[in-house]
Amino acid sequence: MILFPPAKINLGLNVLRKREDGYHEIESCLYQIPLFDSLEIIKKDSFKFVQTGLAIDSEQENNLVVRAFFLMKDRFSIGNVYVHLLKSIPMGAGLGGGSADATYVLLGLNDLFELNLSYDEIRLLASELGSDCPLFIRKDVQIVKGRGEILENINFTLQGKFLKIVNPGIHIETKEAYSNIEYSHSKPITQVMGQSMETWKEELTNSFESTVFKKHLKIEPIKNQLYSEGALYASMTGSGSTLFGIYLEEPTLTFPTYYEKVLKL
């Protein structure tokens, strides 16, 4: 079995307040993009995990793919598997690659061992691995609210446009991004997305940019460059450090020292 977990971008990310339970109340639109990892899962007598491609700086037992397998094995007494992850999505970059990988392990094992789990059952399992994981169970464009557990599908597409993503290789921890964050008082994201994209520059914002741009001075100039070369809209995705621009015409590659991709949506 070979699966292709996708990356995502955030179209707007409003951090609204800190909740009494210690989490933050957020609102964002999650849009999956055609940038994929590759995940091979095969039944075997003993468990083995192999990772190639982009290097992952963590112990194997902490990898979300490994954690997803053992979560399923503990709950359903499934057999062992060989898992090969070919990593193409940068880590710690706001693109959701690790969360997608973990969720696709759950989906793959559900099919491989014919568990017939429902969407809600997989969603609950995915939420144990991370707040972003349930977003990848379905391919719909989704609005996420609450602390990340409330998902609403919306009818929206960027089909036909071009997406340029640039990652400067700066790993940003979520805790770091939340430090000294300025809470958002922006319009609801669905309202802004219903407006002309010309208004997005001022009204579809990412609350993490104010903190991250001040601490990592290389990042904001990338956003400015995306606009200067013709992006209709540019933003940081997630808590960074990846920036993206949306274009009508195919843009050129202009950041030779960074991870950079142009994708047709």
Protein backbone atom coordinates (compact mmCIF):
# COMPACT_ATOMS: atom_id res chain seq x y z
CA MET A 1 0.00 0.00 0.00
CA ILE A 2 1.38 3.41 -1.01
CA LEU A 3 -0.23 6.64 0.20
CA PHE A 4 0.56 10.30 -0.44
CA PRO A 5 -0.01 12.56 2.60
CA PRO A 6 -0.42 16.21 1.47
CA ALA A 7 0.82 19.50 2.87
CA LYS A 8 -1.53 22.35 3.75
CA ILE A 9 -1.48 26.12 3.93
CA ASN A 10 -3.42 28.39 6.27
CA LEU A 11 -5.57 31.01 4.58
CA GLY A 12 -5.74 33.32 7.56
CA LEU A 13 -4.99 32.26 11.12
CA ASN A 14 -6.61 34.24 13.91
CA VAL A 15 -5.52 33.54 17.48
CA LEU A 16 -8.47 35.01 19.37
CA ARG A 17 -7.73 34.47 23.07
CA LYS A 18 -6.26 32.13 25.65
CA ARG A 19 -8.83 29.74 27.07
CA GLU A 20 -9.31 28.72 30.68
CA ASP A 21 -8.08 25.21 29.81
CA GLY A 22 -4.71 26.65 28.76
CA TYR A 23 -5.26 26.22 25.02
CA HIS A 24 -5.80 29.08 22.59
CA GLU A 25 -9.01 29.81 20.71
CA ILE A 26 -8.19 29.94 17.00
CA GLU A 27 -9.84 30.32 13.62
CA SER A 28 -8.26 29.37 10.31
CA CYS A 29 -8.93 27.98 6.85
CA LEU A 30 -6.93 24.85 6.01
CA TYR A 31 -6.30 24.31 2.31
CA GLN A 32 -4.51 21.15 1.16
CA ILE A 33 -1.93 21.64 -1.59
CA PRO A 34 -0.30 19.28 -4.15
CA LEU A 35 2.94 18.78 -2.23
CA PHE A 36 3.20 15.25 -0.86
CA ASP A 37 5.19 12.86 1.26
CA SER A 38 5.12 9.18 0.25
CA LEU A 39 4.13 6.49 2.72
CA GLU A 40 4.49 2.75 2.05
CA ILE A 41 2.83 0.30 4.47
CA ILE A 42 3.27 -3.49 4.11
CA LYS A 43 2.23 -6.31 6.46
CA LYS A 44 5.27 -7.92 8.12
CA ASP A 45 6.08 -10.25 11.01
CA SER A 46 7.78 -7.47 12.97
CA PHE A 47 7.43 -3.69 12.99
CA LYS A 48 10.02 -1.64 11.14
CA PHE A 49 10.07 2.07 10.28
CA VAL A 50 12.40 3.55 7.67
CA GLN A 51 12.57 7.23 6.76
CA THR A 52 14.33 8.72 3.72
CA GLY A 53 14.28 12.06 1.93
CA LEU A 54 14.47 15.20 4.06
CA ALA A 55 16.12 14.47 7.40
CA ILE A 56 14.00 14.41 10.56
CA ASP A 57 15.77 15.60 13.69
CA SER A 58 14.04 13.46 16.32
CA GLU A 59 14.19 10.02 17.91
CA GLN A 60 12.28 7.34 16.02
CA GLU A 61 9.88 6.65 18.90
CA ASN A 62 8.83 10.31 18.87
CA ASN A 63 7.98 10.29 15.16
CA LEU A 64 4.24 10.74 14.62
CA VAL A 65 4.21 7.89 12.10
CA VAL A 66 5.56 5.47 14.72
CA ARG A 67 3.22 6.83 17.39
CA ALA A 68 0.25 6.42 15.02
CA PHE A 69 1.11 2.75 14.41
CA PHE A 70 1.43 1.90 18.10
CA LEU A 71 -1.77 3.79 18.91
CA MET A 72 -3.64 1.59 16.43
CA LYS A 73 -1.86 -1.58 17.60
CA ASP A 74 -2.76 -0.90 21.23
CA ARG A 75 -6.41 -0.21 20.43
CA PHE A 76 -7.11 -2.92 17.86
CA SER A 77 -4.42 -5.62 18.24
CA ILE A 78 -3.47 -5.37 14.57
CA GLY A 79 -0.48 -7.15 13.07
CA ASN A 80 2.94 -5.63 12.44
CA VAL A 81 3.94 -3.63 9.38
CA TYR A 82 6.93 -2.24 7.53
CA VAL A 83 6.56 1.52 7.06
CA HIS A 84 8.71 3.56 4.68
CA LEU A 85 8.26 7.35 4.82
CA LEU A 86 9.81 9.34 1.97
CA LYS A 87 9.85 12.87 3.36
CA SER A 88 9.42 15.74 0.89
CA ILE A 89 7.47 18.27 2.99
CA PRO A 90 9.75 20.43 5.20
CA MET A 91 9.33 19.91 8.96
CA GLY A 92 8.56 22.57 11.54
CA ALA A 93 7.49 24.79 8.68
CA GLY A 94 3.74 25.30 9.16
CA LEU A 95 2.88 22.93 6.30
CA GLY A 96 1.38 20.14 8.41
CA GLY A 97 3.44 17.33 6.90
CA GLY A 98 3.97 15.39 10.13
CA SER A 99 0.28 15.58 11.00
CA ALA A 100 -0.68 14.39 7.51
CA ASP A 101 1.78 11.47 7.73
CA ALA A 102 0.32 10.33 11.05
CA THR A 103 -3.27 10.58 9.84
CA TYR A 104 -2.52 8.63 6.67
CA VAL A 105 -0.99 5.86 8.80
CA LEU A 106 -4.33 5.62 10.63
CA LEU A 107 -6.23 5.58 7.32
CA GLY A 108 -3.85 3.05 5.78
CA LEU A 109 -3.99 0.65 8.73
CA ASN A 110 -7.77 0.95 8.80
CA ASP A 111 -7.87 -0.27 5.19
CA LEU A 112 -5.02 -2.79 5.42
CA PHE A 113 -6.51 -4.62 8.41
CA GLU A 114 -10.15 -4.06 7.37
CA LEU A 115 -11.10 -2.36 10.65
CA ASN A 116 -14.01 -0.46 9.04
CA LEU A 117 -13.58 2.51 11.39
CA SER A 118 -15.93 5.44 10.85
CA TYR A 119 -14.84 9.02 10.20
CA ASP A 120 -15.66 9.95 13.81
CA GLU A 121 -13.65 7.03 15.19
CA ILE A 122 -10.60 7.95 13.10
CA ARG A 123 -11.03 11.62 14.03
CA LEU A 124 -10.87 10.80 17.74
CA LEU A 125 -7.73 8.71 17.22
CA ALA A 126 -6.12 11.43 15.11
CA SER A 127 -6.86 14.07 17.74
CA GLU A 128 -4.80 12.06 20.26
CA LEU A 129 -1.77 12.49 18.00
CA GLY A 130 -2.12 16.24 17.38
CA SER A 131 -4.65 19.00 16.88
CA ASP A 132 -3.86 19.28 13.14
CA CYS A 133 -4.15 15.54 12.43
CA PRO A 134 -7.96 15.31 11.95
CA LEU A 135 -7.74 17.94 9.20
CA PHE A 136 -6.24 15.38 6.83
CA ILE A 137 -8.88 12.65 7.12
CA ARG A 138 -10.84 14.34 4.33
CA LYS A 139 -9.68 16.36 1.35
CA ASP A 140 -12.23 19.15 1.81
CA VAL A 141 -11.30 22.78 2.42
CA GLN A 142 -12.01 23.26 6.11
CA ILE A 143 -12.52 26.03 8.63
CA VAL A 144 -10.99 25.10 11.97
CA LYS A 145 -12.17 26.68 15.21
CA GLY A 146 -11.94 26.19 18.97
CA ARG A 147 -8.53 24.79 19.95
CA GLY A 148 -8.46 23.02 16.58
CA GLU A 149 -11.10 20.35 17.21
CA ILE A 150 -14.07 22.04 15.47
CA LEU A 151 -14.02 21.48 11.70
CA GLU A 152 -16.43 22.86 9.11
CA ASN A 153 -16.23 22.05 5.40
CA ILE A 154 -16.61 25.04 3.06
CA ASN A 155 -17.13 25.36 -0.68
CA PHE A 156 -14.00 27.19 -1.82
CA THR A 157 -11.30 26.62 -4.41
CA LEU A 158 -8.09 28.19 -5.71
CA GLN A 159 -8.11 25.86 -8.71
CA GLY A 160 -6.28 27.27 -11.72
CA LYS A 161 -4.06 29.59 -9.71
CA PHE A 162 -0.36 29.11 -8.93
CA LEU A 163 1.13 28.73 -5.49
CA LYS A 164 4.72 29.56 -4.62
CA ILE A 165 6.04 28.32 -1.27
CA VAL A 166 9.33 29.41 0.26
CA ASN A 167 10.86 27.92 3.39
CA PRO A 168 14.02 29.60 4.74
CA GLY A 169 14.93 26.59 6.89
CA ILE A 170 14.08 28.21 10.22
CA HIS A 171 12.42 25.78 12.64
CA ILE A 172 9.86 27.54 14.82
CA GLU A 173 8.46 25.79 17.88
CA THR A 174 4.76 26.37 18.52
CA LYS A 175 5.50 27.56 22.06
CA GLU A 176 7.89 30.15 20.67
CA ALA A 177 5.30 31.38 18.16
CA TYR A 178 2.67 31.83 20.88
CA SER A 179 4.97 33.87 23.13
CA ASN A 180 3.92 37.53 23.26
CA ILE A 181 1.32 36.95 20.54
CA GLU A 182 -1.07 39.78 19.74
CA TYR A 183 -4.64 38.46 19.74
CA SER A 184 -6.64 39.03 16.59
CA HIS A 185 -9.69 41.25 16.23
CA SER A 186 -10.07 40.62 12.51
CA LYS A 187 -13.27 39.82 10.65
CA PRO A 188 -14.34 36.14 10.56
CA ILE A 189 -12.20 34.34 8.00
CA THR A 190 -15.16 33.06 5.97
CA GLN A 191 -16.36 36.64 5.56
CA VAL A 192 -12.99 37.84 4.26
CA MET A 193 -12.61 34.84 1.93
CA GLY A 194 -15.95 35.75 0.37
CA GLN A 195 -14.55 39.15 -0.61
CA SER A 196 -12.29 40.00 -3.53
CA MET A 197 -8.77 38.65 -3.07
CA GLU A 198 -7.55 42.25 -3.39
CA THR A 199 -8.81 42.80 0.19
CA TRP A 200 -7.01 39.79 1.63
CA LYS A 201 -3.67 41.56 2.03
CA GLU A 202 -5.08 43.76 4.77
CA GLU A 203 -7.87 41.58 6.16
CA LEU A 204 -6.83 37.92 5.91
CA THR A 205 -4.08 37.87 8.51
CA ASN A 206 -1.92 35.38 10.41
CA SER A 207 -1.62 36.29 14.10
CA PHE A 208 1.77 34.57 14.39
CA GLU A 209 3.46 36.91 11.91
CA SER A 210 3.82 39.78 14.40
CA THR A 211 5.80 37.59 16.80
CA VAL A 212 7.76 35.52 14.29
CA PHE A 213 8.77 38.43 12.04
CA LYS A 214 10.26 40.33 15.00
CA LYS A 215 12.34 37.39 16.19
CA HIS A 216 13.42 36.03 12.79
CA LEU A 217 14.29 38.98 10.60
CA LYS A 218 14.84 36.92 7.43
CA ILE A 219 11.17 35.95 7.14
CA GLU A 220 9.21 39.18 6.53
CA PRO A 221 11.38 40.21 3.52
CA ILE A 222 10.33 36.96 1.82
CA LYS A 223 6.67 37.96 2.13
CA ASN A 224 7.46 41.41 0.75
CA GLN A 225 9.33 39.85 -2.17
CA LEU A 226 6.35 37.63 -3.03
CA TYR A 227 4.16 40.71 -3.26
CA SER A 228 6.75 42.66 -5.27
CA GLU A 229 6.87 39.91 -7.90
CA GLY A 230 3.09 39.90 -8.38
CA ALA A 231 1.42 37.73 -5.73
CA LEU A 232 -2.28 38.41 -5.31
CA TYR A 233 -1.93 37.36 -1.68
CA ALA A 234 1.03 36.35 0.46
CA SER A 235 1.22 35.07 4.01
CA MET A 236 3.06 32.89 6.46
CA THR A 237 1.39 29.51 6.95
CA GLY A 238 0.75 28.10 10.42
CA SER A 239 3.30 29.24 12.96
CA GLY A 240 5.91 29.44 10.19
CA SER A 241 8.48 29.65 8.86
CA THR A 242 7.09 28.88 5.39
CA LEU A 243 5.72 31.76 3.32
CA PHE A 244 3.45 31.36 0.31
CA GLY A 245 2.14 33.53 -2.49
CA ILE A 246 -0.91 33.02 -4.73
CA TYR A 247 -0.56 34.09 -8.38
CA LEU A 248 -2.61 34.22 -11.57
CA GLU A 249 0.45 33.49 -13.73
CA GLU A 250 3.25 31.03 -13.00
CA PRO A 251 5.96 32.80 -10.96
CA THR A 252 9.69 32.20 -11.28
CA LEU A 253 12.00 30.75 -8.65
CA THR A 254 13.86 33.61 -6.96
CA PHE A 255 15.19 32.22 -3.65
CA PRO A 256 18.13 29.96 -4.61
CA THR A 257 19.33 29.40 -1.04
CA TYR A 258 15.90 28.39 0.35
CA TYR A 259 13.51 25.48 -0.14
CA GLU A 260 11.23 26.77 -2.91
CA LYS A 261 8.41 25.21 -4.97
CA VAL A 262 5.88 26.46 -7.50
CA LEU A 263 2.67 24.41 -7.68
CA LYS A 264 -0.35 24.54 -9.99
CA LEU A 265 -3.51 24.41 -7.90
